[in-house]
Amino acid sequence: MTVNRVRPTMKDVAGRAGVALKTVSRVVNGEPGVRPQVAERVNSAIAELGYRRNDGARLLRTGQTASVGLVLEDIGDPFYSTLSRAVEDVAHQHDSLLLTGSSDEDPERERELTLAFCARRVDGLIIIPASENHAYLLPEMAAGIAAVFVDRPPGLIEADTVLSDNRRGAQDGVAHLLGAGHRRIGYLGDAPQIYTAARRHEGYVDAMAAAGQPVDPSWVTMTPLDRETVARALARMTGGPAPVTALFCGNNRATALALRELSASGLRLALVGFDDFELADLVTPATTVIAQDTAGLGRIAAELLFQRLAGDQDPARLIELPTRLIVRGSGEIAP
């Protein structure tokens, strides 16, 4: 036997709570003007009846779907999972659903994901870009979809952007190694076309130049990294006529691969990594890092997005968050 269950409506809630239909609408949509005692009565009726807001009706009424899209590189990376959670928390505060997809650092996949979210009528987008050209978003933005970029700036369009101060953070990390007495410092980072990798390498070069220290080309590796690549890079850095005594790593993956190879080979180098990571304080020696405010990046980007959705028409903003040096031991090893 089939049982047909009628979904409770706002009218049912209003009848149970003994209030006007408009009062229920205000409570459900978080609008002001309802006394706390009345709101509590309405919420009790909602819970008793199992009422759920009809987002299809909301779309017809407001033109918004109460959903936002987040396009990032890889949700499996702890950096991006922390950022995603911060975005989700802000979206939850605005009664909005977060949809997430990974671009795998592929510009075409980023474009496909972004336009797929637009086709599903998300209200806004937060994008960690893989592409250098985001002109494909202009028709969507003209149609009312808000967009905020985080960790890296957009290409060829103007939009709100939230970044870490990558260049200054790398300067601070290398300066810390210089302060410990090192003069031959290697750099291990991601491919140079990636915005963050390029800025961090610039910070490394700046710090070495400020200290009057030349950089041997054999000390620098910038490429997509795996264990074999890192092993070859460290052998080259430490095997020449001017072997490095310290290493600055441009991201948490580079740091993890370098620590693994240093442990396997028995090499002893001072090390500072860009990005904190889980268990950094449990290895021996504990890893000194330049930490980003990852949750802050996600939270501020999401807050900017919802400000735009609320009608903010100010010019595009660029917000740059400072990094901080966390001293744990690996960067303090003497030459």
C-alpha atoms as a PDB file:
ATOM      1  CA  MET A   1       0.000   0.000   0.000  1.00  0.00           C
ATOM      2  CA  THR A   2       1.324   3.462  -0.922  1.00  0.00           C
ATOM      3  CA  VAL A   3       1.070   6.211   1.665  1.00  0.00           C
ATOM      4  CA  ASN A   4       0.911   9.757   0.326  1.00  0.00           C
ATOM      5  CA  ARG A   5       2.432  12.210   2.755  1.00  0.00           C
ATOM      6  CA  VAL A   6       1.560  15.834   2.244  1.00  0.00           C
ATOM      7  CA  ARG A   7       4.498  18.156   2.744  1.00  0.00           C
ATOM      8  CA  PRO A   8       3.671  20.782   5.400  1.00  0.00           C
ATOM      9  CA  THR A   9       3.409  24.360   4.151  1.00  0.00           C
ATOM     10  CA  MET A  10       4.009  27.769   5.669  1.00  0.00           C
ATOM     11  CA  LYS A  11       0.246  28.025   6.106  1.00  0.00           C
ATOM     12  CA  ASP A  12       0.316  24.873   8.263  1.00  0.00           C
ATOM     13  CA  VAL A  13       3.138  26.369  10.367  1.00  0.00           C
ATOM     14  CA  ALA A  14       1.233  29.631  10.746  1.00  0.00           C
ATOM     15  CA  GLY A  15      -1.859  27.728  11.928  1.00  0.00           C
ATOM     16  CA  ARG A  16       0.117  25.646  14.428  1.00  0.00           C
ATOM     17  CA  ALA A  17       1.958  28.693  15.805  1.00  0.00           C
ATOM     18  CA  GLY A  18      -1.101  30.959  15.773  1.00  0.00           C
ATOM     19  CA  VAL A  19       0.573  33.699  13.732  1.00  0.00           C
ATOM     20  CA  ALA A  20       0.198  35.349  10.355  1.00  0.00           C
ATOM     21  CA  LEU A  21       1.670  33.758   7.239  1.00  0.00           C
ATOM     22  CA  LYS A  22       3.983  36.766   6.762  1.00  0.00           C
ATOM     23  CA  THR A  23       5.406  36.197  10.247  1.00  0.00           C
ATOM     24  CA  VAL A  24       6.366  32.628   9.331  1.00  0.00           C
ATOM     25  CA  SER A  25       7.957  33.891   6.106  1.00  0.00           C
ATOM     26  CA  ARG A  26      10.049  36.387   8.057  1.00  0.00           C
ATOM     27  CA  VAL A  27      11.271  33.741  10.483  1.00  0.00           C
ATOM     28  CA  VAL A  28      12.079  31.217   7.739  1.00  0.00           C
ATOM     29  CA  ASN A  29      13.993  33.786   5.690  1.00  0.00           C
ATOM     30  CA  GLY A  30      15.801  35.367   8.639  1.00  0.00           C
ATOM     31  CA  GLU A  31      14.151  38.751   8.217  1.00  0.00           C
ATOM     32  CA  PRO A  32      13.892  41.256  11.102  1.00  0.00           C
ATOM     33  CA  GLY A  33      10.713  42.449  12.765  1.00  0.00           C
ATOM     34  CA  VAL A  34       9.638  39.345  14.701  1.00  0.00           C
ATOM     35  CA  ARG A  35       9.635  39.334  18.506  1.00  0.00           C
ATOM     36  CA  PRO A  36      11.874  36.611  20.018  1.00  0.00           C
ATOM     37  CA  GLN A  37       8.931  34.889  21.775  1.00  0.00           C
ATOM     38  CA  VAL A  38       6.965  34.735  18.510  1.00  0.00           C
ATOM     39  CA  ALA A  39      10.008  33.484  16.555  1.00  0.00           C
ATOM     40  CA  GLU A  40      10.482  30.736  19.140  1.00  0.00           C
ATOM     41  CA  ARG A  41       6.844  29.704  18.727  1.00  0.00           C
ATOM     42  CA  VAL A  42       7.230  29.590  14.946  1.00  0.00           C
ATOM     43  CA  ASN A  43      10.444  27.553  15.155  1.00  0.00           C
ATOM     44  CA  SER A  44       8.734  25.083  17.510  1.00  0.00           C
ATOM     45  CA  ALA A  45       5.910  24.658  14.997  1.00  0.00           C
ATOM     46  CA  ILE A  46       8.445  24.142  12.195  1.00  0.00           C
ATOM     47  CA  ALA A  47      10.163  21.408  14.209  1.00  0.00           C
ATOM     48  CA  GLU A  48       6.885  19.708  15.152  1.00  0.00           C
ATOM     49  CA  LEU A  49       5.574  19.650  11.593  1.00  0.00           C
ATOM     50  CA  GLY A  50       8.889  18.877   9.913  1.00  0.00           C
ATOM     51  CA  TYR A  51       8.496  21.887   7.633  1.00  0.00           C
ATOM     52  CA  ARG A  52      11.261  22.539   5.072  1.00  0.00           C
ATOM     53  CA  ARG A  53      11.669  25.708   3.051  1.00  0.00           C
ATOM     54  CA  ASN A  54      10.751  25.383  -0.636  1.00  0.00           C
ATOM     55  CA  ASP A  55      13.859  26.619  -2.439  1.00  0.00           C
ATOM     56  CA  GLY A  56      12.088  26.392  -5.783  1.00  0.00           C
ATOM     57  CA  ALA A  57       9.605  28.979  -4.544  1.00  0.00           C
ATOM     58  CA  ARG A  58      12.494  31.026  -3.177  1.00  0.00           C
ATOM     59  CA  LEU A  59      14.090  31.032  -6.637  1.00  0.00           C
ATOM     60  CA  LEU A  60      10.877  32.301  -8.227  1.00  0.00           C
ATOM     61  CA  ARG A  61      10.469  34.968  -5.565  1.00  0.00           C
ATOM     62  CA  THR A  62      14.047  36.273  -5.198  1.00  0.00           C
ATOM     63  CA  GLY A  63      15.948  34.951  -8.217  1.00  0.00           C
ATOM     64  CA  GLN A  64      18.463  33.299  -5.853  1.00  0.00           C
ATOM     65  CA  THR A  65      19.044  29.577  -5.301  1.00  0.00           C
ATOM     66  CA  ALA A  66      20.732  29.837  -1.882  1.00  0.00           C
ATOM     67  CA  SER A  67      23.785  28.026  -3.260  1.00  0.00           C
ATOM     68  CA  VAL A  68      27.372  29.031  -4.064  1.00  0.00           C
ATOM     69  CA  GLY A  69      30.134  27.215  -5.925  1.00  0.00           C
ATOM     70  CA  LEU A  70      33.757  26.753  -4.833  1.00  0.00           C
ATOM     71  CA  VAL A  71      36.357  25.769  -7.444  1.00  0.00           C
ATOM     72  CA  LEU A  72      39.727  24.796  -5.963  1.00  0.00           C
ATOM     73  CA  GLU A  73      42.782  22.813  -6.990  1.00  0.00           C
ATOM     74  CA  ASP A  74      42.412  19.630  -4.932  1.00  0.00           C
ATOM     75  CA  ILE A  75      40.012  19.114  -2.025  1.00  0.00           C
ATOM     76  CA  GLY A  76      42.365  16.383  -0.747  1.00  0.00           C
ATOM     77  CA  ASP A  77      45.099  18.941  -0.006  1.00  0.00           C
ATOM     78  CA  PRO A  78      44.883  20.037   3.662  1.00  0.00           C
ATOM     79  CA  PHE A  79      45.342  23.676   2.623  1.00  0.00           C
ATOM     80  CA  TYR A  80      42.264  23.565   0.403  1.00  0.00           C
ATOM     81  CA  SER A  81      40.159  21.480   2.779  1.00  0.00           C
ATOM     82  CA  THR A  82      40.755  24.059   5.534  1.00  0.00           C
ATOM     83  CA  LEU A  83      39.860  26.882   3.156  1.00  0.00           C
ATOM     84  CA  SER A  84      36.759  25.031   1.978  1.00  0.00           C
ATOM     85  CA  ARG A  85      35.524  24.494   5.522  1.00  0.00           C
ATOM     86  CA  ALA A  86      35.857  28.213   6.278  1.00  0.00           C
ATOM     87  CA  VAL A  87      33.804  29.053   3.162  1.00  0.00           C
ATOM     88  CA  GLU A  88      31.201  26.456   4.139  1.00  0.00           C
ATOM     89  CA  ASP A  89      30.842  27.947   7.631  1.00  0.00           C
ATOM     90  CA  VAL A  90      30.085  31.402   6.196  1.00  0.00           C
ATOM     91  CA  ALA A  91      27.684  29.929   3.631  1.00  0.00           C
ATOM     92  CA  HIS A  92      25.870  28.101   6.441  1.00  0.00           C
ATOM     93  CA  GLN A  93      25.457  31.373   8.336  1.00  0.00           C
ATOM     94  CA  HIS A  94      23.687  32.715   5.237  1.00  0.00           C
ATOM     95  CA  ASP A  95      21.484  29.602   4.858  1.00  0.00           C
ATOM     96  CA  SER A  96      23.291  28.771   1.641  1.00  0.00           C
ATOM     97  CA  LEU A  97      24.508  25.446   0.259  1.00  0.00           C
ATOM     98  CA  LEU A  98      28.161  25.081  -0.832  1.00  0.00           C
ATOM     99  CA  LEU A  99      28.999  23.081  -3.971  1.00  0.00           C
ATOM    100  CA  THR A 100      32.687  22.182  -4.396  1.00  0.00           C
ATOM    101  CA  GLY A 101      34.792  20.893  -7.292  1.00  0.00           C
ATOM    102  CA  SER A 102      38.520  20.315  -7.950  1.00  0.00           C
ATOM    103  CA  SER A 103      40.244  21.713 -11.053  1.00  0.00           C
ATOM    104  CA  ASP A 104      43.440  19.634 -10.679  1.00  0.00           C
ATOM    105  CA  GLU A 105      45.381  22.739 -11.813  1.00  0.00           C
ATOM    106  CA  ASP A 106      43.836  22.297 -15.279  1.00  0.00           C
ATOM    107  CA  PRO A 107      42.535  25.558 -16.858  1.00  0.00           C
ATOM    108  CA  GLU A 108      40.017  23.730 -19.054  1.00  0.00           C
ATOM    109  CA  ARG A 109      38.652  21.719 -16.155  1.00  0.00           C
ATOM    110  CA  GLU A 110      38.359  24.924 -14.107  1.00  0.00           C
ATOM    111  CA  ARG A 111      36.331  26.511 -16.916  1.00  0.00           C
ATOM    112  CA  GLU A 112      34.079  23.449 -17.245  1.00  0.00           C
ATOM    113  CA  LEU A 113      33.429  23.308 -13.491  1.00  0.00           C
ATOM    114  CA  THR A 114      32.770  27.027 -13.202  1.00  0.00           C
ATOM    115  CA  LEU A 115      30.306  27.086 -16.093  1.00  0.00           C
ATOM    116  CA  ALA A 116      28.639  23.902 -14.792  1.00  0.00           C
ATOM    117  CA  PHE A 117      27.999  25.685 -11.489  1.00  0.00           C
ATOM    118  CA  CYS A 118      26.633  28.675 -13.423  1.00  0.00           C
ATOM    119  CA  ALA A 119      24.320  26.376 -15.393  1.00  0.00           C
ATOM    120  CA  ARG A 120      22.949  25.139 -12.064  1.00  0.00           C
ATOM    121  CA  ARG A 121      22.218  28.764 -11.191  1.00  0.00           C
ATOM    122  CA  VAL A 122      24.454  29.200  -8.168  1.00  0.00           C
ATOM    123  CA  ASP A 123      24.220  32.707  -6.760  1.00  0.00           C
ATOM    124  CA  GLY A 124      27.982  33.205  -6.637  1.00  0.00           C
ATOM    125  CA  LEU A 125      31.396  31.647  -7.131  1.00  0.00           C
ATOM    126  CA  ILE A 126      34.626  31.474  -5.169  1.00  0.00           C
ATOM    127  CA  ILE A 127      37.488  30.420  -7.420  1.00  0.00           C
ATOM    128  CA  ILE A 128      41.098  29.405  -6.805  1.00  0.00           C
ATOM    129  CA  PRO A 129      42.181  29.899 -10.394  1.00  0.00           C
ATOM    130  CA  ALA A 130      44.184  27.547 -12.567  1.00  0.00           C
ATOM    131  CA  SER A 131      43.552  29.635 -15.689  1.00  0.00           C
ATOM    132  CA  GLU A 132      45.189  32.918 -16.664  1.00  0.00           C
ATOM    133  CA  ASN A 133      42.132  34.076 -18.614  1.00  0.00           C
ATOM    134  CA  HIS A 134      38.741  34.434 -16.925  1.00  0.00           C
ATOM    135  CA  ALA A 135      37.033  36.440 -19.648  1.00  0.00           C
ATOM    136  CA  TYR A 136      34.700  33.471 -20.088  1.00  0.00           C
ATOM    137  CA  LEU A 137      33.059  34.557 -16.814  1.00  0.00           C
ATOM    138  CA  LEU A 138      32.106  38.042 -18.015  1.00  0.00           C
ATOM    139  CA  PRO A 139      28.693  37.028 -19.459  1.00  0.00           C
ATOM    140  CA  GLU A 140      27.843  35.186 -16.234  1.00  0.00           C
ATOM    141  CA  MET A 141      28.869  38.145 -14.083  1.00  0.00           C
ATOM    142  CA  ALA A 142      26.862  40.478 -16.320  1.00  0.00           C
ATOM    143  CA  ALA A 143      23.878  38.192 -15.707  1.00  0.00           C
ATOM    144  CA  GLY A 144      24.245  38.708 -11.952  1.00  0.00           C
ATOM    145  CA  ILE A 145      26.516  35.913 -10.686  1.00  0.00           C
ATOM    146  CA  ALA A 146      29.006  37.263  -8.142  1.00  0.00           C
ATOM    147  CA  ALA A 147      32.620  36.004  -8.220  1.00  0.00           C
ATOM    148  CA  VAL A 148      35.478  36.229  -5.735  1.00  0.00           C
ATOM    149  CA  PHE A 149      38.990  34.893  -6.342  1.00  0.00           C
ATOM    150  CA  VAL A 150      41.161  33.545  -3.556  1.00  0.00           C
ATOM    151  CA  ASP A 151      44.829  32.499  -3.190  1.00  0.00           C
ATOM    152  CA  ARG A 152      45.575  33.744  -6.738  1.00  0.00           C
ATOM    153  CA  PRO A 153      44.236  36.719  -8.738  1.00  0.00           C
ATOM    154  CA  PRO A 154      41.940  36.396 -11.773  1.00  0.00           C
ATOM    155  CA  GLY A 155      43.234  36.808 -15.296  1.00  0.00           C
ATOM    156  CA  LEU A 156      41.987  39.574 -17.604  1.00  0.00           C
ATOM    157  CA  ILE A 157      38.967  40.539 -15.473  1.00  0.00           C
ATOM    158  CA  GLU A 158      38.338  42.698 -12.416  1.00  0.00           C
ATOM    159  CA  ALA A 159      36.935  40.896  -9.356  1.00  0.00           C
ATOM    160  CA  ASP A 160      37.307  40.803  -5.581  1.00  0.00           C
ATOM    161  CA  THR A 161      40.510  38.937  -4.656  1.00  0.00           C
ATOM    162  CA  VAL A 162      41.891  37.626  -1.350  1.00  0.00           C
ATOM    163  CA  LEU A 163      45.573  36.644  -1.234  1.00  0.00           C
ATOM    164  CA  SER A 164      48.327  35.818   1.200  1.00  0.00           C
ATOM    165  CA  ASP A 165      51.413  38.037   1.141  1.00  0.00           C
ATOM    166  CA  ASN A 166      53.428  35.307  -0.566  1.00  0.00           C
ATOM    167  CA  ARG A 167      56.446  37.415  -1.459  1.00  0.00           C
ATOM    168  CA  ARG A 168      56.894  38.874   2.022  1.00  0.00           C
ATOM    169  CA  GLY A 169      56.334  35.466   3.626  1.00  0.00           C
ATOM    170  CA  ALA A 170      59.117  33.915   1.546  1.00  0.00           C
ATOM    171  CA  GLN A 171      61.386  36.866   2.340  1.00  0.00           C
ATOM    172  CA  ASP A 172      60.808  36.281   6.045  1.00  0.00           C
ATOM    173  CA  GLY A 173      61.525  32.556   5.762  1.00  0.00           C
ATOM    174  CA  VAL A 174      64.790  33.016   3.854  1.00  0.00           C
ATOM    175  CA  ALA A 175      65.824  35.902   6.126  1.00  0.00           C
ATOM    176  CA  HIS A 176      65.360  33.542   9.071  1.00  0.00           C
ATOM    177  CA  LEU A 177      67.805  31.058   7.516  1.00  0.00           C
ATOM    178  CA  LEU A 178      70.238  33.877   6.761  1.00  0.00           C
ATOM    179  CA  GLY A 179      69.949  34.970  10.380  1.00  0.00           C
ATOM    180  CA  ALA A 180      70.996  31.480  11.467  1.00  0.00           C
ATOM    181  CA  GLY A 181      74.243  31.928   9.525  1.00  0.00           C
ATOM    182  CA  HIS A 182      73.403  30.275   6.210  1.00  0.00           C
ATOM    183  CA  ARG A 183      74.599  31.796   2.952  1.00  0.00           C
ATOM    184  CA  ARG A 184      74.027  28.977   0.465  1.00  0.00           C
ATOM    185  CA  ILE A 185      70.253  28.432   0.562  1.00  0.00           C
ATOM    186  CA  GLY A 186      68.370  26.277  -1.929  1.00  0.00           C
ATOM    187  CA  TYR A 187      64.829  26.858  -3.189  1.00  0.00           C
ATOM    188  CA  LEU A 188      62.406  24.021  -3.918  1.00  0.00           C
ATOM    189  CA  GLY A 189      59.074  25.105  -5.375  1.00  0.00           C
ATOM    190  CA  ASP A 190      56.228  24.470  -7.762  1.00  0.00           C
ATOM    191  CA  ALA A 191      56.070  25.352 -11.473  1.00  0.00           C
ATOM    192  CA  PRO A 192      56.904  29.043 -12.100  1.00  0.00           C
ATOM    193  CA  GLN A 193      53.694  29.740 -14.054  1.00  0.00           C
ATOM    194  CA  ILE A 194      51.700  29.250 -10.845  1.00  0.00           C
ATOM    195  CA  TYR A 195      51.104  32.659  -9.270  1.00  0.00           C
ATOM    196  CA  THR A 196      51.942  31.658  -5.694  1.00  0.00           C
ATOM    197  CA  ALA A 197      55.089  29.768  -6.741  1.00  0.00           C
ATOM    198  CA  ALA A 198      56.359  32.769  -8.725  1.00  0.00           C
ATOM    199  CA  ARG A 199      55.717  35.236  -5.881  1.00  0.00           C
ATOM    200  CA  ARG A 200      57.437  33.003  -3.316  1.00  0.00           C
ATOM    201  CA  HIS A 201      60.454  32.566  -5.556  1.00  0.00           C
ATOM    202  CA  GLU A 202      60.607  36.357  -5.920  1.00  0.00           C
ATOM    203  CA  GLY A 203      60.665  36.626  -2.123  1.00  0.00           C
ATOM    204  CA  TYR A 204      63.542  34.133  -1.975  1.00  0.00           C
ATOM    205  CA  VAL A 205      65.528  36.124  -4.560  1.00  0.00           C
ATOM    206  CA  ASP A 206      64.744  39.412  -2.771  1.00  0.00           C
ATOM    207  CA  ALA A 207      65.982  38.115   0.590  1.00  0.00           C
ATOM    208  CA  MET A 208      69.188  36.710  -0.882  1.00  0.00           C
ATOM    209  CA  ALA A 209      69.856  39.962  -2.776  1.00  0.00           C
ATOM    210  CA  ALA A 210      69.188  42.069   0.339  1.00  0.00           C
ATOM    211  CA  ALA A 211      71.838  40.024   2.159  1.00  0.00           C
ATOM    212  CA  GLY A 212      74.287  40.412  -0.729  1.00  0.00           C
ATOM    213  CA  GLN A 213      74.248  36.691  -1.459  1.00  0.00           C
ATOM    214  CA  PRO A 214      74.408  35.437  -5.050  1.00  0.00           C
ATOM    215  CA  VAL A 215      72.155  32.550  -6.077  1.00  0.00           C
ATOM    216  CA  ASP A 216      73.690  29.667  -8.002  1.00  0.00           C
ATOM    217  CA  PRO A 217      71.189  28.317 -10.604  1.00  0.00           C
ATOM    218  CA  SER A 218      71.841  24.787  -9.334  1.00  0.00           C
ATOM    219  CA  TRP A 219      70.286  25.770  -6.002  1.00  0.00           C
ATOM    220  CA  VAL A 220      66.812  26.422  -7.510  1.00  0.00           C
ATOM    221  CA  THR A 221      64.221  23.868  -8.625  1.00  0.00           C
ATOM    222  CA  MET A 222      60.792  25.020  -9.822  1.00  0.00           C
ATOM    223  CA  THR A 223      58.689  22.272 -11.389  1.00  0.00           C
ATOM    224  CA  PRO A 224      55.772  19.941 -10.563  1.00  0.00           C
ATOM    225  CA  LEU A 225      57.246  17.876  -7.750  1.00  0.00           C
ATOM    226  CA  ASP A 226      57.380  14.181  -6.998  1.00  0.00           C
ATOM    227  CA  ARG A 227      59.784  12.103  -4.927  1.00  0.00           C
ATOM    228  CA  GLU A 228      62.226  11.411  -7.764  1.00  0.00           C
ATOM    229  CA  THR A 229      62.338  15.075  -8.801  1.00  0.00           C
ATOM    230  CA  VAL A 230      63.074  16.146  -5.255  1.00  0.00           C
ATOM    231  CA  ALA A 231      65.780  13.481  -4.836  1.00  0.00           C
ATOM    232  CA  ARG A 232      67.535  14.707  -7.988  1.00  0.00           C
ATOM    233  CA  ALA A 233      67.169  18.348  -6.935  1.00  0.00           C
ATOM    234  CA  LEU A 234      68.685  17.758  -3.506  1.00  0.00           C
ATOM    235  CA  ALA A 235      71.543  15.713  -4.995  1.00  0.00           C
ATOM    236  CA  ARG A 236      72.310  18.594  -7.359  1.00  0.00           C
ATOM    237  CA  MET A 237      72.038  21.237  -4.636  1.00  0.00           C
ATOM    238  CA  THR A 238      74.314  19.400  -2.226  1.00  0.00           C
ATOM    239  CA  GLY A 239      76.739  17.763  -4.661  1.00  0.00           C
ATOM    240  CA  GLY A 240      78.285  20.720  -6.488  1.00  0.00           C
ATOM    241  CA  PRO A 241      81.294  22.866  -5.639  1.00  0.00           C
ATOM    242  CA  ALA A 242      79.095  25.190  -3.519  1.00  0.00           C
ATOM    243  CA  PRO A 243      76.676  22.852  -1.722  1.00  0.00           C
ATOM    244  CA  VAL A 244      73.698  24.396   0.021  1.00  0.00           C
ATOM    245  CA  THR A 245      73.468  24.238   3.802  1.00  0.00           C
ATOM    246  CA  ALA A 246      69.795  25.215   4.020  1.00  0.00           C
ATOM    247  CA  LEU A 247      66.599  24.791   2.048  1.00  0.00           C
ATOM    248  CA  PHE A 248      63.492  26.925   1.630  1.00  0.00           C
ATOM    249  CA  CYS A 249      60.449  24.984   0.405  1.00  0.00           C
ATOM    250  CA  GLY A 250      57.746  26.829  -1.534  1.00  0.00           C
ATOM    251  CA  ASN A 251      54.703  24.854  -0.317  1.00  0.00           C
ATOM    252  CA  ASN A 252      53.643  22.066   2.031  1.00  0.00           C
ATOM    253  CA  ARG A 253      54.027  19.347  -0.613  1.00  0.00           C
ATOM    254  CA  ALA A 254      57.588  20.420  -1.349  1.00  0.00           C
ATOM    255  CA  THR A 255      58.328  20.414   2.381  1.00  0.00           C
ATOM    256  CA  ALA A 256      56.912  16.919   2.918  1.00  0.00           C
ATOM    257  CA  LEU A 257      58.834  15.490  -0.052  1.00  0.00           C
ATOM    258  CA  ALA A 258      62.047  17.199   1.059  1.00  0.00           C
ATOM    259  CA  LEU A 259      61.733  15.916   4.627  1.00  0.00           C
ATOM    260  CA  ARG A 260      61.164  12.381   3.361  1.00  0.00           C
ATOM    261  CA  GLU A 261      64.217  12.529   1.087  1.00  0.00           C
ATOM    262  CA  LEU A 262      66.436  14.122   3.717  1.00  0.00           C
ATOM    263  CA  SER A 263      65.484  11.361   6.144  1.00  0.00           C
ATOM    264  CA  ALA A 264      66.140   8.619   3.569  1.00  0.00           C
ATOM    265  CA  SER A 265      69.483  10.033   2.400  1.00  0.00           C
ATOM    266  CA  GLY A 266      70.879  11.087   5.767  1.00  0.00           C
ATOM    267  CA  LEU A 267      71.464  14.639   4.541  1.00  0.00           C
ATOM    268  CA  ARG A 268      71.321  17.317   7.225  1.00  0.00           C
ATOM    269  CA  LEU A 269      70.074  20.707   6.075  1.00  0.00           C
ATOM    270  CA  ALA A 270      68.353  23.557   7.840  1.00  0.00           C
ATOM    271  CA  LEU A 271      64.835  23.869   6.426  1.00  0.00           C
ATOM    272  CA  VAL A 272      61.964  26.346   6.426  1.00  0.00           C
ATOM    273  CA  GLY A 273      58.726  25.517   4.595  1.00  0.00           C
ATOM    274  CA  PHE A 274      55.976  27.767   3.251  1.00  0.00           C
ATOM    275  CA  ASP A 275      52.630  26.510   4.648  1.00  0.00           C
ATOM    276  CA  ASP A 276      52.109  24.802   7.957  1.00  0.00           C
ATOM    277  CA  PHE A 277      51.084  21.146   7.914  1.00  0.00           C
ATOM    278  CA  GLU A 278      49.789  18.492  10.261  1.00  0.00           C
ATOM    279  CA  LEU A 279      52.492  16.790  12.393  1.00  0.00           C
ATOM    280  CA  ALA A 280      55.043  19.528  11.576  1.00  0.00           C
ATOM    281  CA  ASP A 281      55.762  19.753  15.299  1.00  0.00           C
ATOM    282  CA  LEU A 282      56.243  15.980  15.706  1.00  0.00           C
ATOM    283  CA  VAL A 283      59.085  15.302  13.258  1.00  0.00           C
ATOM    284  CA  THR A 284      62.678  15.634  14.474  1.00  0.00           C
ATOM    285  CA  PRO A 285      63.650  18.399  14.395  1.00  0.00           C
ATOM    286  CA  ALA A 286      60.206  19.988  14.309  1.00  0.00           C
ATOM    287  CA  THR A 287      59.617  21.964  11.122  1.00  0.00           C
ATOM    288  CA  THR A 288      59.880  25.747  11.074  1.00  0.00           C
ATOM    289  CA  VAL A 289      57.273  27.184   8.686  1.00  0.00           C
ATOM    290  CA  ILE A 290      55.782  30.307   7.203  1.00  0.00           C
ATOM    291  CA  ALA A 291      52.091  29.863   8.022  1.00  0.00           C
ATOM    292  CA  GLN A 292      49.231  31.324   6.026  1.00  0.00           C
ATOM    293  CA  ASP A 293      45.890  32.276   7.542  1.00  0.00           C
ATOM    294  CA  THR A 294      44.172  29.630   5.422  1.00  0.00           C
ATOM    295  CA  ALA A 295      40.854  29.796   7.240  1.00  0.00           C
ATOM    296  CA  GLY A 296      41.003  33.579   7.020  1.00  0.00           C
ATOM    297  CA  LEU A 297      41.420  33.407   3.252  1.00  0.00           C
ATOM    298  CA  GLY A 298      38.269  31.311   2.921  1.00  0.00           C
ATOM    299  CA  ARG A 299      36.234  33.260   5.462  1.00  0.00           C
ATOM    300  CA  ILE A 300      37.026  36.700   4.020  1.00  0.00           C
ATOM    301  CA  ALA A 301      36.431  35.524   0.447  1.00  0.00           C
ATOM    302  CA  ALA A 302      33.030  34.139   1.442  1.00  0.00           C
ATOM    303  CA  GLU A 303      32.103  37.290   3.353  1.00  0.00           C
ATOM    304  CA  LEU A 304      32.989  39.414   0.301  1.00  0.00           C
ATOM    305  CA  LEU A 305      30.841  37.147  -1.868  1.00  0.00           C
ATOM    306  CA  PHE A 306      27.776  37.478   0.355  1.00  0.00           C
ATOM    307  CA  GLN A 307      28.282  41.238   0.549  1.00  0.00           C
ATOM    308  CA  ARG A 308      28.084  41.297  -3.254  1.00  0.00           C
ATOM    309  CA  LEU A 309      24.977  39.114  -3.186  1.00  0.00           C
ATOM    310  CA  ALA A 310      23.426  41.577  -0.729  1.00  0.00           C
ATOM    311  CA  GLY A 311      23.866  44.389  -3.257  1.00  0.00           C
ATOM    312  CA  ASP A 312      27.380  45.810  -2.651  1.00  0.00           C
ATOM    313  CA  GLN A 313      28.374  47.684  -5.832  1.00  0.00           C
ATOM    314  CA  ASP A 314      31.789  49.047  -4.726  1.00  0.00           C
ATOM    315  CA  PRO A 315      34.806  48.627  -7.050  1.00  0.00           C
ATOM    316  CA  ALA A 316      36.649  45.297  -6.930  1.00  0.00           C
ATOM    317  CA  ARG A 317      38.772  44.887  -3.809  1.00  0.00           C
ATOM    318  CA  LEU A 318      42.181  43.288  -3.260  1.00  0.00           C
ATOM    319  CA  ILE A 319      42.841  42.026   0.272  1.00  0.00           C
ATOM    320  CA  GLU A 320      46.276  40.629   1.170  1.00  0.00           C
ATOM    321  CA  LEU A 321      46.667  38.742   4.435  1.00  0.00           C
ATOM    322  CA  PRO A 322      49.998  38.605   6.294  1.00  0.00           C
ATOM    323  CA  THR A 323      51.833  35.361   6.968  1.00  0.00           C
ATOM    324  CA  ARG A 324      53.699  34.461  10.157  1.00  0.00           C
ATOM    325  CA  LEU A 325      56.912  32.647  10.980  1.00  0.00           C
ATOM    326  CA  ILE A 326      56.527  29.685  13.349  1.00  0.00           C
ATOM    327  CA  VAL A 327      59.914  28.697  14.796  1.00  0.00           C
ATOM    328  CA  ARG A 328      60.182  25.009  15.726  1.00  0.00           C
ATOM    329  CA  GLY A 329      63.786  23.908  15.203  1.00  0.00           C
ATOM    330  CA  SER A 330      64.509  22.873  11.621  1.00  0.00           C
ATOM    331  CA  GLY A 331      65.279  26.412  10.479  1.00  0.00           C
ATOM    332  CA  GLU A 332      67.631  27.047  13.383  1.00  0.00           C
ATOM    333  CA  ILE A 333      70.197  24.346  12.556  1.00  0.00           C
ATOM    334  CA  ALA A 334      73.579  26.043  12.196  1.00  0.00           C
ATOM    335  CA  PRO A 335      75.606  25.718   8.948  1.00  0.00           C
END
